[in-house]
PDB file of N, CA and C in Angstrom:
ATOM      1  N   MET A   1       4.035 -11.677  -0.182  1.00  0.00           N
ATOM      2  CA  MET A   1       3.218 -11.346  -1.182  1.00  0.00           C
ATOM      3  C   MET A   1       3.308  -9.447  -1.142  1.00  0.00           C
ATOM      4  N   ASN A   2       3.129  -9.381  -2.430  1.00  0.00           N
ATOM      5  CA  ASN A   2       3.250  -7.575  -2.328  1.00  0.00           C
ATOM      6  C   ASN A   2       1.453  -7.253  -2.539  1.00  0.00           C
ATOM      7  N   LEU A   3       1.398  -5.883  -2.502  1.00  0.00           N
ATOM      8  CA  LEU A   3       0.255  -5.592  -2.404  1.00  0.00           C
ATOM      9  C   LEU A   3      -0.886  -5.561  -3.898  1.00  0.00           C
ATOM     10  N   THR A   4       0.137  -5.854  -4.675  1.00  0.00           N
ATOM     11  CA  THR A   4      -0.315  -6.074  -6.202  1.00  0.00           C
ATOM     12  C   THR A   4      -1.441  -6.996  -6.456  1.00  0.00           C
ATOM     13  N   LYS A   5      -1.061  -8.062  -5.432  1.00  0.00           N
ATOM     14  CA  LYS A   5      -1.472  -9.500  -5.674  1.00  0.00           C
ATOM     15  C   LYS A   5      -2.421  -9.308  -4.736  1.00  0.00           C
ATOM     16  N   ALA A   6      -2.731  -8.797  -4.207  1.00  0.00           N
ATOM     17  CA  ALA A   6      -4.185  -8.752  -2.949  1.00  0.00           C
ATOM     18  C   ALA A   6      -5.581  -8.464  -3.506  1.00  0.00           C
ATOM     19  N   VAL A   7      -6.454  -8.987  -3.140  1.00  0.00           N
ATOM     20  CA  VAL A   7      -7.594  -9.426  -3.214  1.00  0.00           C
ATOM     21  C   VAL A   7      -8.788  -8.158  -3.039  1.00  0.00           C
ATOM     22  N   GLU A   8      -9.553  -7.488  -3.929  1.00  0.00           N
ATOM     23  CA  GLU A   8     -10.021  -6.115  -3.834  1.00  0.00           C
ATOM     24  C   GLU A   8     -10.503  -6.543  -2.187  1.00  0.00           C
ATOM     25  N   GLY A   9     -10.790  -5.562  -1.793  1.00  0.00           N
ATOM     26  CA  GLY A   9     -11.843  -5.717  -0.448  1.00  0.00           C
ATOM     27  C   GLY A   9     -11.522  -6.374   0.821  1.00  0.00           C
ATOM     28  N   GLN A  10     -10.207  -7.070   0.692  1.00  0.00           N
ATOM     29  CA  GLN A  10     -10.098  -8.056   1.957  1.00  0.00           C
ATOM     30  C   GLN A  10      -8.843  -7.074   2.454  1.00  0.00           C
ATOM     31  N   GLU A  11      -9.091  -7.135   3.928  1.00  0.00           N
ATOM     32  CA  GLU A  11      -8.361  -6.429   4.780  1.00  0.00           C
ATOM     33  C   GLU A  11      -6.689  -7.317   4.445  1.00  0.00           C
ATOM     34  N   TYR A  12      -5.672  -6.483   4.859  1.00  0.00           N
ATOM     35  CA  TYR A  12      -4.258  -7.097   4.973  1.00  0.00           C
ATOM     36  C   TYR A  12      -3.276  -6.099   5.977  1.00  0.00           C
ATOM     37  N   VAL A  13      -2.397  -6.776   6.444  1.00  0.00           N
ATOM     38  CA  VAL A  13      -1.366  -6.259   7.460  1.00  0.00           C
ATOM     39  C   VAL A  13      -0.222  -5.835   6.632  1.00  0.00           C
ATOM     40  N   ILE A  14       0.128  -4.721   6.657  1.00  0.00           N
ATOM     41  CA  ILE A  14       1.297  -4.766   5.953  1.00  0.00           C
ATOM     42  C   ILE A  14       2.418  -5.592   6.505  1.00  0.00           C
ATOM     43  N   SER A  15       3.618  -5.862   6.494  1.00  0.00           N
ATOM     44  CA  SER A  15       4.392  -6.741   6.817  1.00  0.00           C
ATOM     45  C   SER A  15       6.037  -5.899   6.321  1.00  0.00           C
ATOM     46  N   ASP A  16       6.019  -5.074   5.409  1.00  0.00           N
ATOM     47  CA  ASP A  16       7.035  -4.294   5.045  1.00  0.00           C
ATOM     48  C   ASP A  16       6.929  -3.481   4.406  1.00  0.00           C
ATOM     49  N   ILE A  17       7.745  -2.746   4.124  1.00  0.00           N
ATOM     50  CA  ILE A  17       8.094  -1.550   3.096  1.00  0.00           C
ATOM     51  C   ILE A  17       9.596  -1.391   2.617  1.00  0.00           C
ATOM     52  N   VAL A  18       9.635  -2.106   1.745  1.00  0.00           N
ATOM     53  CA  VAL A  18      10.682  -2.385   0.827  1.00  0.00           C
ATOM     54  C   VAL A  18      11.080  -1.422  -0.235  1.00  0.00           C
ATOM     55  N   THR A  19      11.562   0.060  -0.539  1.00  0.00           N
ATOM     56  CA  THR A  19      11.595   0.955  -1.124  1.00  0.00           C
ATOM     57  C   THR A  19      13.512   1.182  -1.432  1.00  0.00           C
ATOM     58  N   GLY A  20      14.244   0.895  -0.165  1.00  0.00           N
ATOM     59  CA  GLY A  20      15.524   1.402  -0.444  1.00  0.00           C
ATOM     60  C   GLY A  20      15.859   2.925  -0.840  1.00  0.00           C
ATOM     61  N   ASP A  21      14.133   3.838  -0.680  1.00  0.00           N
ATOM     62  CA  ASP A  21      14.933   5.159  -0.863  1.00  0.00           C
ATOM     63  C   ASP A  21      14.225   5.759   0.553  1.00  0.00           C
ATOM     64  N   GLU A  22      14.930   6.215   1.313  1.00  0.00           N
ATOM     65  CA  GLU A  22      14.730   7.378   2.576  1.00  0.00           C
ATOM     66  C   GLU A  22      13.283   8.281   2.488  1.00  0.00           C
ATOM     67  N   GLU A  23      13.688   8.475   1.050  1.00  0.00           N
ATOM     68  CA  GLU A  23      12.658   9.895   1.029  1.00  0.00           C
ATOM     69  C   GLU A  23      11.017   9.287   0.883  1.00  0.00           C
ATOM     70  N   LEU A  24      10.877   8.332   0.186  1.00  0.00           N
ATOM     71  CA  LEU A  24       9.594   7.718  -0.378  1.00  0.00           C
ATOM     72  C   LEU A  24       9.322   6.915   0.784  1.00  0.00           C
ATOM     73  N   ASP A  25      10.262   6.019   1.876  1.00  0.00           N
ATOM     74  CA  ASP A  25       9.740   5.566   3.105  1.00  0.00           C
ATOM     75  C   ASP A  25       9.088   6.527   4.075  1.00  0.00           C
ATOM     76  N   ALA A  26       9.469   7.806   4.266  1.00  0.00           N
ATOM     77  CA  ALA A  26       8.987   8.821   4.787  1.00  0.00           C
ATOM     78  C   ALA A  26       7.330   9.468   4.477  1.00  0.00           C
ATOM     79  N   PHE A  27       7.628   9.485   2.942  1.00  0.00           N
ATOM     80  CA  PHE A  27       6.210   9.551   2.549  1.00  0.00           C
ATOM     81  C   PHE A  27       5.076   8.629   2.826  1.00  0.00           C
ATOM     82  N   LEU A  28       5.498   7.726   2.596  1.00  0.00           N
ATOM     83  CA  LEU A  28       4.161   6.105   2.835  1.00  0.00           C
ATOM     84  C   LEU A  28       4.206   6.292   4.648  1.00  0.00           C
ATOM     85  N   PHE A  29       5.223   6.717   5.524  1.00  0.00           N
ATOM     86  CA  PHE A  29       5.154   6.635   6.486  1.00  0.00           C
ATOM     87  C   PHE A  29       4.239   7.574   7.029  1.00  0.00           C
ATOM     88  N   SER A  30       4.365   8.898   6.092  1.00  0.00           N
ATOM     89  CA  SER A  30       3.189   9.678   6.342  1.00  0.00           C
ATOM     90  C   SER A  30       1.894   9.798   6.057  1.00  0.00           C
ATOM     91  N   LEU A  31       2.046   8.727   5.287  1.00  0.00           N
ATOM     92  CA  LEU A  31       0.417   8.219   4.567  1.00  0.00           C
ATOM     93  C   LEU A  31      -0.033   7.500   6.000  1.00  0.00           C
ATOM     94  N   GLY A  32       0.360   6.972   6.760  1.00  0.00           N
ATOM     95  CA  GLY A  32       0.009   5.951   7.450  1.00  0.00           C
ATOM     96  C   GLY A  32       0.581   4.533   6.979  1.00  0.00           C
ATOM     97  N   CYS A  33       1.256   4.501   5.984  1.00  0.00           N
ATOM     98  CA  CYS A  33       1.774   3.076   5.522  1.00  0.00           C
ATOM     99  C   CYS A  33       2.886   2.870   6.355  1.00  0.00           C
ATOM    100  N   TYR A  34       3.010   1.544   7.075  1.00  0.00           N
ATOM    101  CA  TYR A  34       3.981   0.998   8.092  1.00  0.00           C
ATOM    102  C   TYR A  34       3.542  -0.507   8.236  1.00  0.00           C
ATOM    103  N   SER A  35       5.028  -1.084   8.623  1.00  0.00           N
ATOM    104  CA  SER A  35       4.756  -2.491   9.161  1.00  0.00           C
ATOM    105  C   SER A  35       3.666  -2.429  10.120  1.00  0.00           C
ATOM    106  N   GLY A  36       3.199  -3.452  10.345  1.00  0.00           N
ATOM    107  CA  GLY A  36       1.576  -3.285  11.303  1.00  0.00           C
ATOM    108  C   GLY A  36       0.177  -3.138  11.139  1.00  0.00           C
ATOM    109  N   GLU A  37       0.707  -1.929  10.484  1.00  0.00           N
ATOM    110  CA  GLU A  37      -0.699  -0.755   9.901  1.00  0.00           C
ATOM    111  C   GLU A  37      -1.501  -2.074   8.818  1.00  0.00           C
ATOM    112  N   LYS A  38      -3.247  -2.046   9.224  1.00  0.00           N
ATOM    113  CA  LYS A  38      -3.787  -2.201   8.074  1.00  0.00           C
ATOM    114  C   LYS A  38      -3.942  -1.553   7.115  1.00  0.00           C
ATOM    115  N   ILE A  39      -4.125  -2.681   5.623  1.00  0.00           N
ATOM    116  CA  ILE A  39      -4.695  -1.881   4.280  1.00  0.00           C
ATOM    117  C   ILE A  39      -5.145  -2.635   3.477  1.00  0.00           C
ATOM    118  N   THR A  40      -6.072  -2.121   2.669  1.00  0.00           N
ATOM    119  CA  THR A  40      -7.084  -2.940   2.190  1.00  0.00           C
ATOM    120  C   THR A  40      -7.419  -1.851   0.610  1.00  0.00           C
ATOM    121  N   VAL A  41      -7.163  -3.007  -0.378  1.00  0.00           N
ATOM    122  CA  VAL A  41      -7.181  -2.633  -2.012  1.00  0.00           C
ATOM    123  C   VAL A  41      -8.842  -2.513  -2.150  1.00  0.00           C
ATOM    124  N   VAL A  42      -9.633  -1.233  -2.374  1.00  0.00           N
ATOM    125  CA  VAL A  42     -10.466  -0.608  -2.691  1.00  0.00           C
ATOM    126  C   VAL A  42     -10.873  -1.244  -4.352  1.00  0.00           C
ATOM    127  N   SER A  43     -10.077  -0.649  -4.759  1.00  0.00           N
ATOM    128  CA  SER A  43     -10.292  -1.067  -6.665  1.00  0.00           C
ATOM    129  C   SER A  43      -8.924  -0.730  -6.987  1.00  0.00           C
ATOM    130  N   ARG A  44      -8.916  -1.132  -8.461  1.00  0.00           N
ATOM    131  CA  ARG A  44      -7.856  -1.272  -9.446  1.00  0.00           C
ATOM    132  C   ARG A  44      -8.595  -0.569 -10.570  1.00  0.00           C
ATOM    133  N   LEU A  45      -7.138   0.342 -10.948  1.00  0.00           N
ATOM    134  CA  LEU A  45      -7.836   1.143 -11.950  1.00  0.00           C
ATOM    135  C   LEU A  45      -6.297   0.765 -12.819  1.00  0.00           C
ATOM    136  N   LYS A  46      -6.395   1.329 -14.372  1.00  0.00           N
ATOM    137  CA  LYS A  46      -5.284   0.864 -15.198  1.00  0.00           C
ATOM    138  C   LYS A  46      -3.992   1.550 -14.449  1.00  0.00           C
ATOM    139  N   GLY A  47      -3.514   0.632 -14.039  1.00  0.00           N
ATOM    140  CA  GLY A  47      -2.138   1.056 -13.433  1.00  0.00           C
ATOM    141  C   GLY A  47      -1.923   1.650 -12.134  1.00  0.00           C
ATOM    142  N   THR A  48      -3.147   1.132 -11.578  1.00  0.00           N
ATOM    143  CA  THR A  48      -2.919   1.957 -10.340  1.00  0.00           C
ATOM    144  C   THR A  48      -3.989   1.356  -9.276  1.00  0.00           C
ATOM    145  N   CYS A  49      -3.852   1.597  -8.067  1.00  0.00           N
ATOM    146  CA  CYS A  49      -4.354   0.699  -7.248  1.00  0.00           C
ATOM    147  C   CYS A  49      -4.997   1.879  -5.939  1.00  0.00           C
ATOM    148  N   VAL A  50      -6.357   1.944  -5.863  1.00  0.00           N
ATOM    149  CA  VAL A  50      -7.082   2.903  -4.779  1.00  0.00           C
ATOM    150  C   VAL A  50      -6.824   1.774  -3.363  1.00  0.00           C
ATOM    151  N   VAL A  51      -5.874   2.511  -2.370  1.00  0.00           N
ATOM    152  CA  VAL A  51      -6.209   1.655  -1.013  1.00  0.00           C
ATOM    153  C   VAL A  51      -6.623   2.525  -0.179  1.00  0.00           C
ATOM    154  N   SER A  52      -7.370   1.612   0.669  1.00  0.00           N
ATOM    155  CA  SER A  52      -7.593   2.380   2.255  1.00  0.00           C
ATOM    156  C   SER A  52      -6.277   2.093   3.340  1.00  0.00           C
ATOM    157  N   ILE A  53      -6.304   3.551   4.173  1.00  0.00           N
ATOM    158  CA  ILE A  53      -5.015   3.203   4.736  1.00  0.00           C
ATOM    159  C   ILE A  53      -5.934   3.984   6.398  1.00  0.00           C
ATOM    160  N   LYS A  54      -6.391   3.320   7.362  1.00  0.00           N
ATOM    161  CA  LYS A  54      -6.632   4.381   8.262  1.00  0.00           C
ATOM    162  C   LYS A  54      -8.094   5.060   8.150  1.00  0.00           C
ATOM    163  N   ASP A  55      -9.270   5.001   7.450  1.00  0.00           N
ATOM    164  CA  ASP A  55      -9.910   5.657   7.172  1.00  0.00           C
ATOM    165  C   ASP A  55      -9.978   6.623   6.199  1.00  0.00           C
ATOM    166  N   ALA A  56      -8.772   6.904   5.283  1.00  0.00           N
ATOM    167  CA  ALA A  56      -8.297   7.379   4.348  1.00  0.00           C
ATOM    168  C   ALA A  56      -8.237   6.682   3.052  1.00  0.00           C
ATOM    169  N   ARG A  57      -8.357   7.364   1.661  1.00  0.00           N
ATOM    170  CA  ARG A  57      -8.333   6.151   0.594  1.00  0.00           C
ATOM    171  C   ARG A  57      -7.415   7.104  -0.497  1.00  0.00           C
ATOM    172  N   TYR A  58      -6.423   6.354  -1.477  1.00  0.00           N
ATOM    173  CA  TYR A  58      -4.968   7.112  -1.314  1.00  0.00           C
ATOM    174  C   TYR A  58      -4.825   5.984  -3.061  1.00  0.00           C
ATOM    175  N   SER A  59      -4.642   6.973  -4.114  1.00  0.00           N
ATOM    176  CA  SER A  59      -4.896   6.054  -5.180  1.00  0.00           C
ATOM    177  C   SER A  59      -2.764   6.241  -5.775  1.00  0.00           C
ATOM    178  N   ILE A  60      -2.493   4.834  -5.584  1.00  0.00           N
ATOM    179  CA  ILE A  60      -0.869   4.796  -5.886  1.00  0.00           C
ATOM    180  C   ILE A  60      -0.746   4.081  -6.997  1.00  0.00           C
ATOM    181  N   ASP A  61       0.208   3.948  -7.610  1.00  0.00           N
ATOM    182  CA  ASP A  61       0.649   3.488  -9.040  1.00  0.00           C
ATOM    183  C   ASP A  61       1.021   2.049  -8.619  1.00  0.00           C
ATOM    184  N   ASN A  62       1.485   1.117  -9.853  1.00  0.00           N
ATOM    185  CA  ASN A  62       1.567  -0.258  -9.090  1.00  0.00           C
ATOM    186  C   ASN A  62       2.911  -0.301  -8.898  1.00  0.00           C
ATOM    187  N   GLN A  63       3.925   0.468  -9.276  1.00  0.00           N
ATOM    188  CA  GLN A  63       5.367   0.335  -8.675  1.00  0.00           C
ATOM    189  C   GLN A  63       5.238   0.577  -7.394  1.00  0.00           C
ATOM    190  N   LEU A  64       4.638   1.480  -7.037  1.00  0.00           N
ATOM    191  CA  LEU A  64       4.727   1.719  -5.566  1.00  0.00           C
ATOM    192  C   LEU A  64       3.743   0.529  -4.846  1.00  0.00           C
ATOM    193  N   ALA A  65       2.985   0.301  -5.304  1.00  0.00           N
ATOM    194  CA  ALA A  65       2.306  -0.706  -4.551  1.00  0.00           C
ATOM    195  C   ALA A  65       3.155  -2.588  -4.500  1.00  0.00           C
ATOM    196  N   GLU A  66       4.118  -2.614  -5.137  1.00  0.00           N
ATOM    197  CA  GLU A  66       4.921  -3.549  -5.414  1.00  0.00           C
ATOM    198  C   GLU A  66       5.940  -3.742  -4.258  1.00  0.00           C
ATOM    199  N   VAL A  67       6.274  -2.160  -3.728  1.00  0.00           N
ATOM    200  CA  VAL A  67       7.227  -2.173  -2.605  1.00  0.00           C
ATOM    201  C   VAL A  67       6.682  -2.666  -1.041  1.00  0.00           C
ATOM    202  N   ILE A  68       5.164  -2.613  -1.418  1.00  0.00           N
ATOM    203  CA  ILE A  68       4.261  -2.540   0.281  1.00  0.00           C
ATOM    204  C   ILE A  68       4.312  -4.475   0.276  1.00  0.00           C
ATOM    205  N   LEU A  69       5.059  -4.653   0.959  1.00  0.00           N
ATOM    206  CA  LEU A  69       4.460  -6.172   1.036  1.00  0.00           C
ATOM    207  C   LEU A  69       3.367  -6.308   2.532  1.00  0.00           C
ATOM    208  N   ILE A  70       2.817  -7.617   2.079  1.00  0.00           N
ATOM    209  CA  ILE A  70       1.213  -7.835   3.298  1.00  0.00           C
ATOM    210  C   ILE A  70       1.479  -8.798   3.482  1.00  0.00           C
TER     211      ILE A  70
END
């Protein structure tokens, strides 16, 4: 299941990141978004998700949320 299907407020563990793009993988890793890390969808806005990773909040678009598998 990918992050777009996650329930708001529930904590999940990232199982995989499937981008096919090394630069995007490095960017997500710099945010602390990698396999085994906990992630929570805080809220959904039009076309974006606000997520919490390691006590930090980020707004990511739905295309990026689709590549994060939980």
